[in-house]
Each structure stands twice: as structure tokens, then as C-alpha cells.
Amino acid sequence: MTRVSATEFKNNIGAFSDAAMNEPVIITSHQRDRLVLMSADEYRRLTGTQNGISPEIELLMEQRLEKHRNTIIELANR
């Protein structure tokens, strides 16, 4: 895993962004780990989200869409 200072990261953001596509990059400040840069795919894998939406929110959206779909069908049948 790559570990860099915030200044080093700022000065070479492109290189470290590319590196983060293969493995997390830890960004430090005053010798303390502060941030972790990782690919969006790895973030989604770790959080179990798809397109940044958690499974719980996705289920809630599907339920609400189904309710609206049923309302539209009911109105169309009148």
C-alpha cells in the first residue's frame, strides 16, 4: 500500500490517482494517516453499493416506484 504526505499527494495528484486504481493510497498529515484514496469500484465493493446507492436506499426507491406504478395503473383503469 502506498503512503504519501498531503503535500506530496498535492504535487503528484495524477500519479497517485493512477496508483489508487490498483491499490489504496494513504494520505498522511503530520505523520498521521488522514485519508485513503481508492478506486470507485473498490469503494462500491467495500460498501456494497452500486452507483453510490446503498442497497437499503435502492430497495426503498423500488418500493416507492412500485407504489406510483400501481397508482398510475389504477388511474388508467378508471
N, C-alpha and C. Protein backbone atom coordinates (compact mmCIF):
# COMPACT_ATOMS: atom_id res chain seq x y z
N MET A 1 0.86 -1.17 0.00
CA MET A 1 0.00 0.00 0.00
C MET A 1 0.90 1.23 0.00
N THR A 2 0.55 2.20 -0.81
CA THR A 2 1.32 3.43 -0.92
C THR A 2 0.91 4.40 0.18
N ARG A 3 1.89 5.07 0.78
CA ARG A 3 1.64 6.07 1.82
C ARG A 3 2.40 7.33 1.42
N VAL A 4 1.70 8.47 1.35
CA VAL A 4 2.31 9.73 0.95
C VAL A 4 1.82 10.87 1.84
N SER A 5 2.62 11.92 1.92
CA SER A 5 2.19 13.11 2.65
C SER A 5 1.18 13.88 1.80
N ALA A 6 0.40 14.71 2.45
CA ALA A 6 -0.60 15.51 1.74
C ALA A 6 0.08 16.41 0.71
N THR A 7 1.22 16.96 1.06
CA THR A 7 1.95 17.82 0.12
C THR A 7 2.41 17.04 -1.09
N GLU A 8 2.98 15.86 -0.85
CA GLU A 8 3.44 15.02 -1.95
C GLU A 8 2.26 14.62 -2.84
N PHE A 9 1.13 14.30 -2.21
CA PHE A 9 -0.06 13.95 -2.99
C PHE A 9 -0.51 15.13 -3.85
N LYS A 10 -0.56 16.32 -3.24
CA LYS A 10 -0.98 17.52 -3.97
C LYS A 10 -0.08 17.78 -5.17
N ASN A 11 1.21 17.57 -4.99
CA ASN A 11 2.17 17.86 -6.06
C ASN A 11 2.18 16.80 -7.15
N ASN A 12 1.64 15.60 -6.86
CA ASN A 12 1.65 14.50 -7.84
C ASN A 12 0.29 13.81 -7.90
N ILE A 13 -0.77 14.59 -7.87
CA ILE A 13 -2.12 14.02 -7.77
C ILE A 13 -2.42 13.03 -8.90
N GLY A 14 -1.97 13.31 -10.09
CA GLY A 14 -2.24 12.41 -11.22
C GLY A 14 -1.62 11.04 -11.02
N ALA A 15 -0.37 11.02 -10.61
CA ALA A 15 0.33 9.75 -10.41
C ALA A 15 -0.31 8.94 -9.29
N PHE A 16 -0.67 9.61 -8.19
CA PHE A 16 -1.26 8.88 -7.07
C PHE A 16 -2.70 8.47 -7.37
N SER A 17 -3.40 9.26 -8.17
CA SER A 17 -4.75 8.86 -8.59
C SER A 17 -4.67 7.60 -9.45
N ASP A 18 -3.69 7.55 -10.32
CA ASP A 18 -3.49 6.34 -11.13
C ASP A 18 -3.13 5.15 -10.25
N ALA A 19 -2.27 5.37 -9.27
CA ALA A 19 -1.86 4.29 -8.36
C ALA A 19 -3.06 3.76 -7.58
N ALA A 20 -3.99 4.65 -7.21
CA ALA A 20 -5.16 4.25 -6.43
C ALA A 20 -6.10 3.35 -7.21
N MET A 21 -5.95 3.29 -8.52
CA MET A 21 -6.76 2.37 -9.31
C MET A 21 -6.36 0.92 -9.06
N ASN A 22 -5.14 0.71 -8.56
CA ASN A 22 -4.64 -0.65 -8.31
C ASN A 22 -4.59 -1.01 -6.83
N GLU A 23 -4.39 -0.02 -5.98
CA GLU A 23 -4.33 -0.26 -4.54
C GLU A 23 -4.62 1.04 -3.81
N PRO A 24 -5.14 0.98 -2.60
CA PRO A 24 -5.41 2.21 -1.85
C PRO A 24 -4.14 3.01 -1.62
N VAL A 25 -4.28 4.33 -1.62
CA VAL A 25 -3.19 5.24 -1.32
C VAL A 25 -3.54 5.96 -0.02
N ILE A 26 -2.70 5.83 0.99
CA ILE A 26 -2.93 6.50 2.26
C ILE A 26 -2.26 7.87 2.20
N ILE A 27 -3.02 8.90 2.53
CA ILE A 27 -2.51 10.26 2.53
C ILE A 27 -2.36 10.69 3.99
N THR A 28 -1.15 11.14 4.33
CA THR A 28 -0.85 11.48 5.71
C THR A 28 -0.74 12.99 5.89
N SER A 29 -0.91 13.42 7.13
CA SER A 29 -0.70 14.81 7.51
C SER A 29 -0.06 14.79 8.89
N HIS A 30 1.10 15.40 8.99
CA HIS A 30 1.86 15.41 10.24
C HIS A 30 2.10 13.98 10.75
N GLN A 31 2.50 13.12 9.84
CA GLN A 31 2.82 11.71 10.08
C GLN A 31 1.63 10.88 10.59
N ARG A 32 0.43 11.38 10.41
CA ARG A 32 -0.77 10.63 10.79
C ARG A 32 -1.58 10.30 9.55
N ASP A 33 -2.09 9.08 9.50
CA ASP A 33 -2.98 8.70 8.39
C ASP A 33 -4.24 9.55 8.48
N ARG A 34 -4.57 10.22 7.36
CA ARG A 34 -5.74 11.10 7.35
C ARG A 34 -6.81 10.66 6.37
N LEU A 35 -6.38 10.26 5.18
CA LEU A 35 -7.32 9.90 4.12
C LEU A 35 -6.85 8.66 3.40
N VAL A 36 -7.78 7.99 2.74
CA VAL A 36 -7.45 6.87 1.87
C VAL A 36 -8.10 7.13 0.53
N LEU A 37 -7.29 7.08 -0.52
CA LEU A 37 -7.79 7.25 -1.88
C LEU A 37 -7.85 5.87 -2.51
N MET A 38 -9.02 5.53 -3.07
CA MET A 38 -9.18 4.23 -3.72
C MET A 38 -10.09 4.39 -4.93
N SER A 39 -10.08 3.38 -5.78
CA SER A 39 -10.93 3.44 -6.97
C SER A 39 -12.41 3.39 -6.57
N ALA A 40 -13.24 3.95 -7.41
CA ALA A 40 -14.68 3.94 -7.16
C ALA A 40 -15.21 2.51 -7.14
N ASP A 41 -14.67 1.63 -7.98
CA ASP A 41 -15.09 0.23 -7.99
C ASP A 41 -14.78 -0.43 -6.66
N GLU A 42 -13.60 -0.17 -6.11
CA GLU A 42 -13.24 -0.75 -4.82
C GLU A 42 -14.12 -0.20 -3.71
N TYR A 43 -14.44 1.09 -3.75
CA TYR A 43 -15.33 1.68 -2.77
C TYR A 43 -16.70 1.02 -2.81
N ARG A 44 -17.24 0.86 -4.02
CA ARG A 44 -18.55 0.21 -4.16
C ARG A 44 -18.50 -1.23 -3.67
N ARG A 45 -17.40 -1.94 -3.94
CA ARG A 45 -17.27 -3.32 -3.47
C ARG A 45 -17.27 -3.37 -1.95
N LEU A 46 -16.54 -2.47 -1.32
CA LEU A 46 -16.44 -2.47 0.14
C LEU A 46 -17.73 -2.05 0.82
N THR A 47 -18.47 -1.12 0.22
CA THR A 47 -19.69 -0.62 0.84
C THR A 47 -20.93 -1.36 0.39
N GLY A 48 -20.78 -2.21 -0.62
CA GLY A 48 -21.94 -2.94 -1.12
C GLY A 48 -22.92 -2.05 -1.84
N THR A 49 -22.42 -0.96 -2.42
CA THR A 49 -23.30 -0.05 -3.15
C THR A 49 -23.09 -0.20 -4.64
N GLN A 50 -24.08 0.24 -5.37
CA GLN A 50 -23.98 0.24 -6.82
C GLN A 50 -24.34 1.66 -7.25
N ASN A 51 -23.46 2.29 -8.00
CA ASN A 51 -23.66 3.68 -8.42
C ASN A 51 -23.79 4.61 -7.22
N GLY A 52 -23.13 4.26 -6.11
CA GLY A 52 -23.15 5.11 -4.93
C GLY A 52 -24.42 5.04 -4.12
N ILE A 53 -25.33 4.12 -4.44
CA ILE A 53 -26.60 4.00 -3.72
C ILE A 53 -26.57 2.73 -2.88
N SER A 54 -26.85 2.88 -1.60
CA SER A 54 -26.83 1.71 -0.72
C SER A 54 -27.99 0.78 -1.06
N PRO A 55 -27.85 -0.51 -0.75
CA PRO A 55 -28.94 -1.46 -1.03
C PRO A 55 -30.25 -1.07 -0.34
N GLU A 56 -30.16 -0.48 0.85
CA GLU A 56 -31.38 -0.08 1.57
C GLU A 56 -32.11 1.03 0.83
N ILE A 57 -31.36 2.03 0.36
CA ILE A 57 -31.98 3.13 -0.38
C ILE A 57 -32.53 2.64 -1.70
N GLU A 58 -31.80 1.74 -2.36
CA GLU A 58 -32.27 1.18 -3.63
C GLU A 58 -33.59 0.44 -3.43
N LEU A 59 -33.71 -0.33 -2.36
CA LEU A 59 -34.95 -1.05 -2.07
C LEU A 59 -36.09 -0.07 -1.81
N LEU A 60 -35.82 0.97 -1.04
CA LEU A 60 -36.85 1.98 -0.75
C LEU A 60 -37.31 2.65 -2.03
N MET A 61 -36.38 2.97 -2.92
CA MET A 61 -36.74 3.58 -4.20
C MET A 61 -37.62 2.64 -5.02
N GLU A 62 -37.27 1.36 -5.06
CA GLU A 62 -38.06 0.38 -5.81
C GLU A 62 -39.47 0.28 -5.24
N GLN A 63 -39.60 0.29 -3.91
CA GLN A 63 -40.90 0.21 -3.27
C GLN A 63 -41.76 1.41 -3.62
N ARG A 64 -41.16 2.59 -3.60
CA ARG A 64 -41.92 3.80 -3.92
C ARG A 64 -42.30 3.84 -5.40
N LEU A 65 -41.39 3.40 -6.25
CA LEU A 65 -41.72 3.34 -7.67
C LEU A 65 -42.87 2.37 -7.93
N GLU A 66 -42.87 1.26 -7.25
CA GLU A 66 -43.94 0.27 -7.39
C GLU A 66 -45.28 0.87 -6.96
N LYS A 67 -45.27 1.62 -5.87
CA LYS A 67 -46.49 2.27 -5.39
C LYS A 67 -47.02 3.24 -6.45
N HIS A 68 -46.13 4.05 -7.03
CA HIS A 68 -46.55 5.00 -8.07
C HIS A 68 -47.01 4.27 -9.32
N ARG A 69 -46.34 3.19 -9.66
CA ARG A 69 -46.73 2.40 -10.83
C ARG A 69 -48.15 1.87 -10.63
N ASN A 70 -48.43 1.35 -9.44
CA ASN A 70 -49.77 0.83 -9.15
C ASN A 70 -50.82 1.93 -9.20
N THR A 71 -50.48 3.11 -8.71
CA THR A 71 -51.42 4.25 -8.75
C THR A 71 -51.73 4.63 -10.18
N ILE A 72 -50.73 4.68 -11.03
CA ILE A 72 -50.93 5.04 -12.44
C ILE A 72 -51.80 4.00 -13.14
N ILE A 73 -51.55 2.74 -12.86
CA ILE A 73 -52.36 1.67 -13.46
C ILE A 73 -53.80 1.78 -12.98
N GLU A 74 -53.99 2.04 -11.72
CA GLU A 74 -55.33 2.18 -11.16
C GLU A 74 -56.06 3.36 -11.82
N LEU A 75 -55.38 4.48 -11.98
CA LEU A 75 -56.00 5.65 -12.63
C LEU A 75 -56.32 5.37 -14.09
N ALA A 76 -55.46 4.64 -14.75
CA ALA A 76 -55.68 4.32 -16.17
C ALA A 76 -56.89 3.40 -16.36
N ASN A 77 -57.17 2.60 -15.39
CA ASN A 77 -58.30 1.65 -15.48
C ASN A 77 -59.63 2.27 -15.12
N ARG A 78 -59.67 3.51 -14.72
CA ARG A 78 -60.95 4.17 -14.35
C ARG A 78 -61.71 4.60 -15.56
